[in-house]
Amino acid sequence: MSDRRILNSWKEIATYLGRGVRTVQRWEAQLGLPIHRPAGKDHSAVLAFSLELDQWLDSRPVRYPTAWNRSLPADGQSIQVEALLMRAEAMLQRIETLLARADETQQRLSAALEEVAARERVDQGAQARRLEAGAA
């Protein structure tokens, strides 16, 4: 993802990653998930950058439960295909989230543009009345 979002709470970070808050907190403590604490204290407010989270996820090795390893053929292609499918599913979830955000942003932008246009009409009407009053 090329845009850099700032996530301002554990809940936002967990939602972005598609996990629970406790899981994300455990990832920070045990696996080095890139979380920033502006106050610099262990239990202070947190924030994270989406770009850093994406880079961290991409750097993590893909592991499979041992039950999967026994049920899959020994060839590496099956494992690679499964890994690709899992990544594709994660990417689809991110795309759905981005599309929902884009729709929401478009609705807000349309409402703002309508408000600006309405204000301009009011301003133009007031200006026309002033010109008429000055000409009379």
N, C-alpha and C. Protein backbone atom coordinates (compact mmCIF):
# COMPACT_ATOMS: atom_id res chain seq x y z
N MET A 1 0.84 -1.17 0.00
CA MET A 1 0.00 0.00 0.00
C MET A 1 0.88 1.23 0.00
N SER A 2 0.52 2.17 -0.83
CA SER A 2 1.37 3.33 -0.95
C SER A 2 0.96 4.45 0.00
N ASP A 3 -0.29 4.49 0.43
CA ASP A 3 -0.68 5.56 1.35
C ASP A 3 -0.30 5.19 2.77
N ARG A 4 0.05 6.20 3.55
CA ARG A 4 0.50 5.97 4.92
C ARG A 4 -0.58 6.46 5.86
N ARG A 5 -1.25 5.53 6.50
CA ARG A 5 -2.28 5.87 7.48
C ARG A 5 -1.67 5.83 8.86
N ILE A 6 -2.18 6.70 9.72
CA ILE A 6 -1.78 6.67 11.11
C ILE A 6 -2.91 6.02 11.89
N LEU A 7 -2.59 4.95 12.59
CA LEU A 7 -3.57 4.23 13.40
C LEU A 7 -3.34 4.63 14.85
N ASN A 8 -4.40 5.13 15.51
CA ASN A 8 -4.24 5.81 16.79
C ASN A 8 -4.65 5.03 18.03
N SER A 9 -4.92 3.76 17.91
CA SER A 9 -5.31 2.98 19.08
C SER A 9 -5.08 1.50 18.80
N TRP A 10 -5.09 0.72 19.87
CA TRP A 10 -4.96 -0.73 19.70
C TRP A 10 -6.09 -1.26 18.83
N LYS A 11 -7.28 -0.72 19.01
CA LYS A 11 -8.44 -1.19 18.24
C LYS A 11 -8.25 -0.91 16.75
N GLU A 12 -7.78 0.28 16.40
CA GLU A 12 -7.55 0.61 14.99
C GLU A 12 -6.46 -0.28 14.40
N ILE A 13 -5.41 -0.50 15.16
CA ILE A 13 -4.30 -1.34 14.69
C ILE A 13 -4.79 -2.76 14.47
N ALA A 14 -5.54 -3.28 15.44
CA ALA A 14 -6.06 -4.65 15.34
C ALA A 14 -7.01 -4.79 14.15
N THR A 15 -7.87 -3.80 13.95
CA THR A 15 -8.80 -3.84 12.82
C THR A 15 -8.03 -3.82 11.51
N TYR A 16 -7.03 -2.98 11.42
CA TYR A 16 -6.22 -2.89 10.20
C TYR A 16 -5.57 -4.24 9.89
N LEU A 17 -5.08 -4.92 10.93
CA LEU A 17 -4.39 -6.20 10.73
C LEU A 17 -5.36 -7.38 10.65
N GLY A 18 -6.63 -7.14 10.97
CA GLY A 18 -7.61 -8.22 10.92
C GLY A 18 -7.45 -9.21 12.06
N ARG A 19 -7.00 -8.73 13.21
CA ARG A 19 -6.78 -9.57 14.39
C ARG A 19 -7.42 -8.92 15.60
N GLY A 20 -7.37 -9.61 16.73
CA GLY A 20 -7.89 -9.07 17.97
C GLY A 20 -6.86 -8.17 18.64
N VAL A 21 -7.34 -7.33 19.55
CA VAL A 21 -6.46 -6.39 20.25
C VAL A 21 -5.39 -7.15 21.04
N ARG A 22 -5.78 -8.19 21.76
CA ARG A 22 -4.80 -8.94 22.56
C ARG A 22 -3.73 -9.60 21.70
N THR A 23 -4.14 -10.10 20.54
CA THR A 23 -3.17 -10.72 19.62
C THR A 23 -2.15 -9.68 19.18
N VAL A 24 -2.64 -8.50 18.81
CA VAL A 24 -1.74 -7.44 18.34
C VAL A 24 -0.81 -6.99 19.47
N GLN A 25 -1.32 -6.90 20.69
CA GLN A 25 -0.48 -6.53 21.82
C GLN A 25 0.59 -7.60 22.07
N ARG A 26 0.21 -8.87 21.92
CA ARG A 26 1.18 -9.96 22.09
C ARG A 26 2.24 -9.89 20.99
N TRP A 27 1.82 -9.59 19.76
CA TRP A 27 2.78 -9.46 18.66
C TRP A 27 3.79 -8.35 18.94
N GLU A 28 3.32 -7.26 19.55
CA GLU A 28 4.26 -6.18 19.88
C GLU A 28 5.28 -6.66 20.90
N ALA A 29 4.78 -7.31 21.95
CA ALA A 29 5.65 -7.73 23.05
C ALA A 29 6.60 -8.86 22.64
N GLN A 30 6.10 -9.82 21.86
CA GLN A 30 6.90 -11.01 21.58
C GLN A 30 7.58 -11.01 20.21
N LEU A 31 6.98 -10.31 19.23
CA LEU A 31 7.49 -10.42 17.87
C LEU A 31 7.98 -9.10 17.28
N GLY A 32 7.91 -8.03 18.06
CA GLY A 32 8.44 -6.76 17.58
C GLY A 32 7.56 -6.00 16.61
N LEU A 33 6.24 -6.16 16.72
CA LEU A 33 5.33 -5.38 15.87
C LEU A 33 5.65 -3.89 16.07
N PRO A 34 5.82 -3.13 14.97
CA PRO A 34 6.25 -1.73 15.11
C PRO A 34 5.15 -0.81 15.64
N ILE A 35 5.16 -0.59 16.94
CA ILE A 35 4.21 0.27 17.63
C ILE A 35 4.98 1.46 18.21
N HIS A 36 4.40 2.64 18.11
CA HIS A 36 5.04 3.84 18.66
C HIS A 36 4.25 4.32 19.86
N ARG A 37 4.96 4.78 20.86
CA ARG A 37 4.35 5.34 22.07
C ARG A 37 4.88 6.76 22.23
N PRO A 38 4.06 7.76 21.83
CA PRO A 38 4.53 9.16 21.86
C PRO A 38 5.01 9.60 23.24
N ALA A 39 4.39 9.10 24.31
CA ALA A 39 4.80 9.49 25.66
C ALA A 39 6.07 8.74 26.10
N GLY A 40 6.44 7.68 25.38
CA GLY A 40 7.66 6.95 25.70
C GLY A 40 7.54 6.00 26.86
N LYS A 41 6.34 5.81 27.41
CA LYS A 41 6.16 4.91 28.55
C LYS A 41 5.57 3.59 28.07
N ASP A 42 5.80 2.53 28.87
CA ASP A 42 5.35 1.19 28.47
C ASP A 42 3.86 1.07 28.27
N HIS A 43 3.07 1.72 29.09
CA HIS A 43 1.62 1.55 29.01
C HIS A 43 0.91 2.83 28.61
N SER A 44 1.55 3.65 27.79
CA SER A 44 0.93 4.89 27.33
C SER A 44 0.18 4.66 26.02
N ALA A 45 -0.41 5.71 25.51
CA ALA A 45 -1.15 5.64 24.25
C ALA A 45 -0.22 5.14 23.14
N VAL A 46 -0.81 4.49 22.15
CA VAL A 46 -0.03 3.92 21.06
C VAL A 46 -0.48 4.49 19.73
N LEU A 47 0.42 4.40 18.76
CA LEU A 47 0.08 4.67 17.37
C LEU A 47 0.97 3.82 16.50
N ALA A 48 0.50 3.61 15.28
CA ALA A 48 1.27 2.81 14.32
C ALA A 48 1.03 3.39 12.94
N PHE A 49 1.99 3.16 12.07
CA PHE A 49 1.88 3.59 10.68
C PHE A 49 1.57 2.37 9.82
N SER A 50 0.56 2.48 8.97
CA SER A 50 0.14 1.34 8.16
C SER A 50 1.29 0.81 7.30
N LEU A 51 2.10 1.70 6.77
CA LEU A 51 3.21 1.29 5.92
C LEU A 51 4.19 0.41 6.69
N GLU A 52 4.50 0.80 7.94
CA GLU A 52 5.42 0.01 8.77
C GLU A 52 4.81 -1.35 9.11
N LEU A 53 3.49 -1.37 9.38
CA LEU A 53 2.83 -2.65 9.68
C LEU A 53 2.88 -3.57 8.46
N ASP A 54 2.63 -3.01 7.27
CA ASP A 54 2.68 -3.82 6.05
C ASP A 54 4.08 -4.38 5.83
N GLN A 55 5.10 -3.55 6.04
CA GLN A 55 6.48 -4.02 5.87
C GLN A 55 6.80 -5.11 6.88
N TRP A 56 6.33 -4.95 8.12
CA TRP A 56 6.57 -5.94 9.16
C TRP A 56 5.91 -7.26 8.77
N LEU A 57 4.66 -7.20 8.31
CA LEU A 57 3.96 -8.42 7.90
C LEU A 57 4.69 -9.11 6.75
N ASP A 58 5.14 -8.33 5.78
CA ASP A 58 5.83 -8.91 4.63
C ASP A 58 7.16 -9.57 5.02
N SER A 59 7.75 -9.12 6.12
CA SER A 59 9.04 -9.67 6.53
C SER A 59 8.89 -10.93 7.39
N ARG A 60 7.69 -11.25 7.82
CA ARG A 60 7.47 -12.42 8.68
C ARG A 60 7.50 -13.70 7.86
N PRO A 61 8.11 -14.74 8.38
CA PRO A 61 8.09 -16.02 7.66
C PRO A 61 6.69 -16.64 7.73
N VAL A 62 6.34 -17.38 6.70
CA VAL A 62 5.06 -18.08 6.68
C VAL A 62 5.27 -19.45 7.30
N ARG A 63 4.47 -19.78 8.32
CA ARG A 63 4.59 -21.08 8.99
C ARG A 63 3.27 -21.81 8.89
N TYR A 64 3.33 -23.12 8.89
CA TYR A 64 2.14 -23.95 8.82
C TYR A 64 2.09 -24.83 10.06
N PRO A 65 0.88 -25.09 10.56
CA PRO A 65 0.75 -26.04 11.68
C PRO A 65 1.27 -27.42 11.24
N THR A 66 1.74 -28.21 12.20
CA THR A 66 2.30 -29.53 11.86
C THR A 66 1.26 -30.44 11.23
N ALA A 67 -0.02 -30.29 11.56
CA ALA A 67 -1.06 -31.11 10.94
C ALA A 67 -1.10 -30.85 9.44
N TRP A 68 -0.90 -29.62 9.01
CA TRP A 68 -0.88 -29.31 7.59
C TRP A 68 0.31 -29.98 6.92
N ASN A 69 1.45 -29.94 7.61
CA ASN A 69 2.65 -30.50 7.01
C ASN A 69 2.50 -32.00 6.74
N ARG A 70 1.79 -32.69 7.61
CA ARG A 70 1.58 -34.13 7.41
C ARG A 70 0.58 -34.41 6.30
N SER A 71 -0.42 -33.52 6.13
CA SER A 71 -1.47 -33.81 5.15
C SER A 71 -1.10 -33.34 3.74
N LEU A 72 -0.11 -32.46 3.62
CA LEU A 72 0.28 -31.97 2.30
C LEU A 72 1.33 -32.88 1.69
N PRO A 73 1.33 -32.95 0.38
CA PRO A 73 2.42 -33.69 -0.26
C PRO A 73 3.76 -33.03 0.05
N ALA A 74 4.81 -33.77 -0.09
CA ALA A 74 6.13 -33.27 0.27
C ALA A 74 6.66 -32.22 -0.70
N ASP A 75 6.02 -32.09 -1.88
CA ASP A 75 6.57 -31.15 -2.84
C ASP A 75 6.36 -29.70 -2.39
N GLY A 76 7.31 -28.88 -2.72
CA GLY A 76 7.29 -27.48 -2.31
C GLY A 76 6.23 -26.66 -3.01
N GLN A 77 5.76 -27.10 -4.17
CA GLN A 77 4.75 -26.32 -4.89
C GLN A 77 3.45 -26.22 -4.12
N SER A 78 3.02 -27.30 -3.49
CA SER A 78 1.76 -27.27 -2.73
C SER A 78 1.85 -26.27 -1.58
N ILE A 79 2.98 -26.24 -0.93
CA ILE A 79 3.17 -25.30 0.18
C ILE A 79 3.19 -23.88 -0.35
N GLN A 80 3.84 -23.67 -1.46
CA GLN A 80 3.88 -22.33 -2.04
C GLN A 80 2.50 -21.87 -2.49
N VAL A 81 1.73 -22.77 -3.08
CA VAL A 81 0.38 -22.43 -3.52
C VAL A 81 -0.48 -22.06 -2.32
N GLU A 82 -0.38 -22.83 -1.25
CA GLU A 82 -1.16 -22.54 -0.04
C GLU A 82 -0.76 -21.18 0.54
N ALA A 83 0.52 -20.90 0.56
CA ALA A 83 0.99 -19.61 1.07
C ALA A 83 0.47 -18.47 0.20
N LEU A 84 0.51 -18.66 -1.09
CA LEU A 84 -0.02 -17.62 -2.00
C LEU A 84 -1.51 -17.41 -1.80
N LEU A 85 -2.25 -18.48 -1.61
CA LEU A 85 -3.69 -18.35 -1.38
C LEU A 85 -3.99 -17.59 -0.09
N MET A 86 -3.22 -17.87 0.94
CA MET A 86 -3.41 -17.17 2.21
C MET A 86 -3.10 -15.68 2.06
N ARG A 87 -2.02 -15.38 1.36
CA ARG A 87 -1.67 -13.96 1.12
C ARG A 87 -2.72 -13.27 0.26
N ALA A 88 -3.23 -13.98 -0.74
CA ALA A 88 -4.26 -13.41 -1.61
C ALA A 88 -5.52 -13.09 -0.81
N GLU A 89 -5.88 -13.98 0.10
CA GLU A 89 -7.06 -13.74 0.94
C GLU A 89 -6.85 -12.51 1.83
N ALA A 90 -5.68 -12.39 2.39
CA ALA A 90 -5.37 -11.22 3.23
C ALA A 90 -5.41 -9.95 2.39
N MET A 91 -4.90 -10.01 1.18
CA MET A 91 -4.92 -8.84 0.31
C MET A 91 -6.35 -8.47 -0.08
N LEU A 92 -7.18 -9.45 -0.33
CA LEU A 92 -8.58 -9.18 -0.65
C LEU A 92 -9.29 -8.49 0.51
N GLN A 93 -9.00 -8.92 1.72
CA GLN A 93 -9.59 -8.27 2.89
C GLN A 93 -9.14 -6.82 2.99
N ARG A 94 -7.88 -6.57 2.72
CA ARG A 94 -7.37 -5.19 2.75
C ARG A 94 -8.02 -4.35 1.66
N ILE A 95 -8.19 -4.94 0.47
CA ILE A 95 -8.83 -4.22 -0.64
C ILE A 95 -10.26 -3.86 -0.29
N GLU A 96 -10.99 -4.81 0.32
CA GLU A 96 -12.36 -4.53 0.73
C GLU A 96 -12.40 -3.38 1.73
N THR A 97 -11.46 -3.36 2.66
CA THR A 97 -11.39 -2.28 3.64
C THR A 97 -11.11 -0.95 2.93
N LEU A 98 -10.18 -0.96 2.00
CA LEU A 98 -9.85 0.27 1.26
C LEU A 98 -11.03 0.76 0.43
N LEU A 99 -11.75 -0.16 -0.19
CA LEU A 99 -12.91 0.24 -0.99
C LEU A 99 -13.99 0.87 -0.10
N ALA A 100 -14.20 0.29 1.07
CA ALA A 100 -15.18 0.87 1.99
C ALA A 100 -14.75 2.27 2.42
N ARG A 101 -13.47 2.43 2.71
CA ARG A 101 -12.96 3.76 3.08
C ARG A 101 -13.09 4.75 1.92
N ALA A 102 -12.83 4.29 0.71
CA ALA A 102 -12.94 5.16 -0.47
C ALA A 102 -14.39 5.61 -0.67
N ASP A 103 -15.34 4.70 -0.49
CA ASP A 103 -16.76 5.06 -0.61
C ASP A 103 -17.13 6.10 0.44
N GLU A 104 -16.68 5.88 1.66
CA GLU A 104 -16.98 6.82 2.74
C GLU A 104 -16.37 8.19 2.46
N THR A 105 -15.15 8.21 1.98
CA THR A 105 -14.48 9.47 1.64
C THR A 105 -15.19 10.18 0.51
N GLN A 106 -15.63 9.43 -0.49
CA GLN A 106 -16.35 10.03 -1.62
C GLN A 106 -17.66 10.65 -1.15
N GLN A 107 -18.38 9.99 -0.26
CA GLN A 107 -19.63 10.54 0.26
C GLN A 107 -19.37 11.83 1.04
N ARG A 108 -18.33 11.85 1.86
CA ARG A 108 -18.01 13.06 2.61
C ARG A 108 -17.60 14.19 1.68
N LEU A 109 -16.83 13.87 0.64
CA LEU A 109 -16.39 14.88 -0.30
C LEU A 109 -17.58 15.45 -1.07
N SER A 110 -18.50 14.60 -1.48
CA SER A 110 -19.70 15.06 -2.19
C SER A 110 -20.53 15.99 -1.31
N ALA A 111 -20.69 15.62 -0.05
CA ALA A 111 -21.44 16.47 0.88
C ALA A 111 -20.75 17.82 1.06
N ALA A 112 -19.43 17.81 1.16
CA ALA A 112 -18.69 19.06 1.33
C ALA A 112 -18.81 19.94 0.09
N LEU A 113 -18.74 19.34 -1.10
CA LEU A 113 -18.88 20.10 -2.33
C LEU A 113 -20.28 20.70 -2.46
N GLU A 114 -21.29 19.95 -2.07
CA GLU A 114 -22.66 20.47 -2.10
C GLU A 114 -22.80 21.66 -1.15
N GLU A 115 -22.18 21.56 0.01
CA GLU A 115 -22.24 22.66 0.97
C GLU A 115 -21.54 23.90 0.42
N VAL A 116 -20.39 23.73 -0.22
CA VAL A 116 -19.68 24.86 -0.81
C VAL A 116 -20.51 25.50 -1.91
N ALA A 117 -21.12 24.68 -2.76
CA ALA A 117 -21.96 25.20 -3.84
C ALA A 117 -23.15 25.97 -3.28
N ALA A 118 -23.76 25.47 -2.22
CA ALA A 118 -24.90 26.16 -1.61
C ALA A 118 -24.46 27.51 -1.04
N ARG A 119 -23.31 27.55 -0.41
CA ARG A 119 -22.79 28.81 0.14
C ARG A 119 -22.51 29.81 -0.97
N GLU A 120 -21.96 29.33 -2.08
CA GLU A 120 -21.68 30.22 -3.21
C GLU A 120 -22.97 30.80 -3.76
N ARG A 121 -24.03 29.98 -3.85
CA ARG A 121 -25.32 30.48 -4.35
C ARG A 121 -25.86 31.56 -3.42
N VAL A 122 -25.75 31.35 -2.12
CA VAL A 122 -26.21 32.35 -1.15
C VAL A 122 -25.40 33.63 -1.29
N ASP A 123 -24.07 33.50 -1.42
CA ASP A 123 -23.20 34.67 -1.57
C ASP A 123 -23.51 35.43 -2.85
N GLN A 124 -23.76 34.70 -3.95
CA GLN A 124 -24.07 35.36 -5.23
C GLN A 124 -25.41 36.08 -5.15
N GLY A 125 -26.37 35.48 -4.47
CA GLY A 125 -27.67 36.13 -4.30
C GLY A 125 -27.56 37.40 -3.48
N ALA A 126 -26.77 37.37 -2.43
CA ALA A 126 -26.58 38.55 -1.59
C ALA A 126 -25.86 39.64 -2.37
N GLN A 127 -24.89 39.26 -3.18
CA GLN A 127 -24.15 40.24 -3.98
C GLN A 127 -25.08 40.87 -5.02
N ALA A 128 -25.93 40.08 -5.65
CA ALA A 128 -26.88 40.62 -6.65
C ALA A 128 -27.83 41.59 -6.00
N ARG A 129 -28.31 41.30 -4.79
CA ARG A 129 -29.24 42.21 -4.09
C ARG A 129 -28.55 43.53 -3.75
N ARG A 130 -27.26 43.43 -3.37
CA ARG A 130 -26.50 44.66 -3.05
C ARG A 130 -26.34 45.52 -4.33
N LEU A 131 -26.05 44.88 -5.44
CA LEU A 131 -25.91 45.63 -6.69
C LEU A 131 -27.22 46.27 -7.11
N GLU A 132 -28.32 45.56 -6.94
CA GLU A 132 -29.64 46.12 -7.27
C GLU A 132 -29.97 47.29 -6.35
N ALA A 133 -29.65 47.14 -5.07
CA ALA A 133 -29.92 48.22 -4.11
C ALA A 133 -29.07 49.43 -4.42
N GLY A 134 -27.84 49.23 -4.86
CA GLY A 134 -26.95 50.35 -5.20
C GLY A 134 -27.35 51.03 -6.49
N ALA A 135 -27.94 50.29 -7.43
CA ALA A 135 -28.36 50.87 -8.71
C ALA A 135 -29.65 51.65 -8.56
N ALA A 136 -30.45 51.35 -7.54
CA ALA A 136 -31.74 52.01 -7.37
C ALA A 136 -31.64 53.35 -6.73
